[in-house]
């Protein structure tokens, strides 16, 4: 693959030993020519994502997922509280008797 535009800018950043090892492993798995190729592809992907969704905060999806989880937890809490209130209603005699085809379940045994 030929390079259309010369790459004459350098970007430096530091990695921990673990990050560097993981990046090297990723290069091997992805059959990349170099760490630079993998880093360049990652940056290009982020740029493209930003172009397609310029107002999107990279943390927005995490925030949205957290909000959905909170809503689900609140819903589950309401369900559990509803079950608690059913159990707290009193003795079994005060509860409605389930029916089977209009006949109380006690009489179908």
C-alpha atoms as a PDB file:
ATOM      1  CA  UNK A   1       0.000   0.000   0.000  1.00  0.00           C
ATOM      2  CA  UNK A   2       1.555   3.278  -1.062  1.00  0.00           C
ATOM      3  CA  UNK A   3       1.440   6.378   1.084  1.00  0.00           C
ATOM      4  CA  UNK A   4      -0.484   9.168  -0.650  1.00  0.00           C
ATOM      5  CA  UNK A   5       0.713  11.901   1.683  1.00  0.00           C
ATOM      6  CA  UNK A   6       4.083  11.860   3.355  1.00  0.00           C
ATOM      7  CA  UNK A   7       3.952  11.283   7.074  1.00  0.00           C
ATOM      8  CA  UNK A   8       6.285  13.858   8.500  1.00  0.00           C
ATOM      9  CA  UNK A   9       4.716  14.649  11.889  1.00  0.00           C
ATOM     10  CA  UNK A  10       5.605  12.800  15.067  1.00  0.00           C
ATOM     11  CA  UNK A  11       3.469  12.206  18.121  1.00  0.00           C
ATOM     12  CA  UNK A  12       5.070  10.882  21.282  1.00  0.00           C
ATOM     13  CA  UNK A  13       3.310   9.419  24.284  1.00  0.00           C
ATOM     14  CA  UNK A  14       4.340   7.234  27.165  1.00  0.00           C
ATOM     15  CA  UNK A  15       3.038   3.789  28.057  1.00  0.00           C
ATOM     16  CA  UNK A  16       3.446   1.600  31.090  1.00  0.00           C
ATOM     17  CA  UNK A  17       5.227  -1.728  30.639  1.00  0.00           C
ATOM     18  CA  UNK A  18       1.866  -3.524  30.721  1.00  0.00           C
ATOM     19  CA  UNK A  19       0.304  -1.163  28.169  1.00  0.00           C
ATOM     20  CA  UNK A  20       3.296  -1.601  25.866  1.00  0.00           C
ATOM     21  CA  UNK A  21       3.147  -5.403  26.185  1.00  0.00           C
ATOM     22  CA  UNK A  22      -0.601  -5.386  25.419  1.00  0.00           C
ATOM     23  CA  UNK A  23      -0.068  -3.092  22.444  1.00  0.00           C
ATOM     24  CA  UNK A  24       2.641  -5.397  21.095  1.00  0.00           C
ATOM     25  CA  UNK A  25       0.296  -8.375  21.495  1.00  0.00           C
ATOM     26  CA  UNK A  26      -2.430  -6.469  19.666  1.00  0.00           C
ATOM     27  CA  UNK A  27      -0.039  -5.747  16.805  1.00  0.00           C
ATOM     28  CA  UNK A  28       0.755  -9.444  16.459  1.00  0.00           C
ATOM     29  CA  UNK A  29      -2.895 -10.503  16.612  1.00  0.00           C
ATOM     30  CA  UNK A  30      -3.918  -7.815  14.112  1.00  0.00           C
ATOM     31  CA  UNK A  31      -0.943  -8.624  11.848  1.00  0.00           C
ATOM     32  CA  UNK A  32      -0.029  -4.951  11.875  1.00  0.00           C
ATOM     33  CA  UNK A  33       3.292  -3.846  10.423  1.00  0.00           C
ATOM     34  CA  UNK A  34       4.135  -1.782  13.470  1.00  0.00           C
ATOM     35  CA  UNK A  35       2.890  -0.199  16.664  1.00  0.00           C
ATOM     36  CA  UNK A  36       2.694   3.061  14.716  1.00  0.00           C
ATOM     37  CA  UNK A  37       0.193   1.530  12.295  1.00  0.00           C
ATOM     38  CA  UNK A  38      -2.047   0.371  15.146  1.00  0.00           C
ATOM     39  CA  UNK A  39      -1.825   3.731  16.926  1.00  0.00           C
ATOM     40  CA  UNK A  40      -2.514   5.603  13.671  1.00  0.00           C
ATOM     41  CA  UNK A  41      -5.575   3.438  12.939  1.00  0.00           C
ATOM     42  CA  UNK A  42      -6.909   4.019  16.459  1.00  0.00           C
ATOM     43  CA  UNK A  43      -6.485   7.788  16.122  1.00  0.00           C
ATOM     44  CA  UNK A  44      -8.074   7.783  12.665  1.00  0.00           C
ATOM     45  CA  UNK A  45     -11.022   5.807  14.046  1.00  0.00           C
ATOM     46  CA  UNK A  46     -11.490   8.353  16.839  1.00  0.00           C
ATOM     47  CA  UNK A  47     -11.285  11.233  14.345  1.00  0.00           C
ATOM     48  CA  UNK A  48     -13.862   9.586  12.073  1.00  0.00           C
ATOM     49  CA  UNK A  49     -16.180   8.941  15.005  1.00  0.00           C
ATOM     50  CA  UNK A  50     -15.863  12.584  16.030  1.00  0.00           C
ATOM     51  CA  UNK A  51     -16.627  13.716  12.465  1.00  0.00           C
ATOM     52  CA  UNK A  52     -19.778  11.584  12.364  1.00  0.00           C
ATOM     53  CA  UNK A  53     -20.888  12.660  15.851  1.00  0.00           C
ATOM     54  CA  UNK A  54     -19.140  15.958  16.648  1.00  0.00           C
ATOM     55  CA  UNK A  55     -21.280  16.742  19.676  1.00  0.00           C
ATOM     56  CA  UNK A  56     -20.765  13.307  21.180  1.00  0.00           C
ATOM     57  CA  UNK A  57     -18.717  13.246  24.312  1.00  0.00           C
ATOM     58  CA  UNK A  58     -16.585  10.072  24.393  1.00  0.00           C
ATOM     59  CA  UNK A  59     -17.929   9.378  27.871  1.00  0.00           C
ATOM     60  CA  UNK A  60     -21.551   9.917  26.804  1.00  0.00           C
ATOM     61  CA  UNK A  61     -22.210   6.254  26.026  1.00  0.00           C
ATOM     62  CA  UNK A  62     -20.894   5.276  29.453  1.00  0.00           C
ATOM     63  CA  UNK A  63     -23.134   7.911  31.028  1.00  0.00           C
ATOM     64  CA  UNK A  64     -26.142   6.677  29.030  1.00  0.00           C
ATOM     65  CA  UNK A  65     -25.484   3.079  30.082  1.00  0.00           C
ATOM     66  CA  UNK A  66     -25.192   4.121  33.719  1.00  0.00           C
ATOM     67  CA  UNK A  67     -28.495   6.019  33.503  1.00  0.00           C
ATOM     68  CA  UNK A  68     -30.193   2.957  31.993  1.00  0.00           C
ATOM     69  CA  UNK A  69     -28.779   0.728  34.725  1.00  0.00           C
ATOM     70  CA  UNK A  70     -30.006   3.136  37.402  1.00  0.00           C
ATOM     71  CA  UNK A  71     -33.496   3.107  35.854  1.00  0.00           C
ATOM     72  CA  UNK A  72     -33.491  -0.697  35.785  1.00  0.00           C
ATOM     73  CA  UNK A  73     -32.382  -0.879  39.420  1.00  0.00           C
ATOM     74  CA  UNK A  74     -35.084   1.591  40.462  1.00  0.00           C
ATOM     75  CA  UNK A  75     -37.666  -0.487  38.592  1.00  0.00           C
ATOM     76  CA  UNK A  76     -36.472  -3.659  40.332  1.00  0.00           C
ATOM     77  CA  UNK A  77     -36.638  -1.933  43.725  1.00  0.00           C
ATOM     78  CA  UNK A  78     -40.262  -0.991  43.025  1.00  0.00           C
ATOM     79  CA  UNK A  79     -41.056  -4.584  42.068  1.00  0.00           C
ATOM     80  CA  UNK A  80     -39.448  -5.942  45.230  1.00  0.00           C
ATOM     81  CA  UNK A  81     -41.328  -3.400  47.341  1.00  0.00           C
ATOM     82  CA  UNK A  82     -44.548  -4.503  45.634  1.00  0.00           C
ATOM     83  CA  UNK A  83     -43.782  -8.121  46.524  1.00  0.00           C
ATOM     84  CA  UNK A  84     -43.060  -7.080  50.112  1.00  0.00           C
ATOM     85  CA  UNK A  85     -46.404  -5.312  50.358  1.00  0.00           C
ATOM     86  CA  UNK A  86     -48.178  -8.447  49.090  1.00  0.00           C
ATOM     87  CA  UNK A  87     -46.449 -10.525  51.744  1.00  0.00           C
ATOM     88  CA  UNK A  88     -47.248  -7.971  54.470  1.00  0.00           C
ATOM     89  CA  UNK A  89     -51.004  -7.951  53.749  1.00  0.00           C
ATOM     90  CA  UNK A  90     -51.790 -10.445  56.482  1.00  0.00           C
ATOM     91  CA  UNK A  91     -52.980 -14.002  56.858  1.00  0.00           C
ATOM     92  CA  UNK A  92     -53.811 -16.121  53.854  1.00  0.00           C
ATOM     93  CA  UNK A  93     -57.553 -15.838  54.524  1.00  0.00           C
ATOM     94  CA  UNK A  94     -57.463 -12.132  53.696  1.00  0.00           C
ATOM     95  CA  UNK A  95     -55.849 -12.760  50.345  1.00  0.00           C
ATOM     96  CA  UNK A  96     -57.938 -13.516  47.275  1.00  0.00           C
ATOM     97  CA  UNK A  97     -58.180 -17.213  46.468  1.00  0.00           C
ATOM     98  CA  UNK A  98     -56.877 -18.054  42.987  1.00  0.00           C
ATOM     99  CA  UNK A  99     -59.487 -19.489  40.675  1.00  0.00           C
ATOM    100  CA  UNK A 100     -59.359 -22.072  37.921  1.00  0.00           C
ATOM    101  CA  UNK A 101     -62.142 -21.646  35.360  1.00  0.00           C
ATOM    102  CA  UNK A 102     -64.250 -19.769  37.900  1.00  0.00           C
ATOM    103  CA  UNK A 103     -63.853 -22.420  40.627  1.00  0.00           C
ATOM    104  CA  UNK A 104     -61.713 -21.598  43.690  1.00  0.00           C
ATOM    105  CA  UNK A 105     -58.436 -23.520  43.591  1.00  0.00           C
ATOM    106  CA  UNK A 106     -59.222 -25.160  46.947  1.00  0.00           C
ATOM    107  CA  UNK A 107     -62.247 -26.932  45.438  1.00  0.00           C
ATOM    108  CA  UNK A 108     -60.314 -28.266  42.393  1.00  0.00           C
ATOM    109  CA  UNK A 109     -58.081 -30.521  44.527  1.00  0.00           C
END
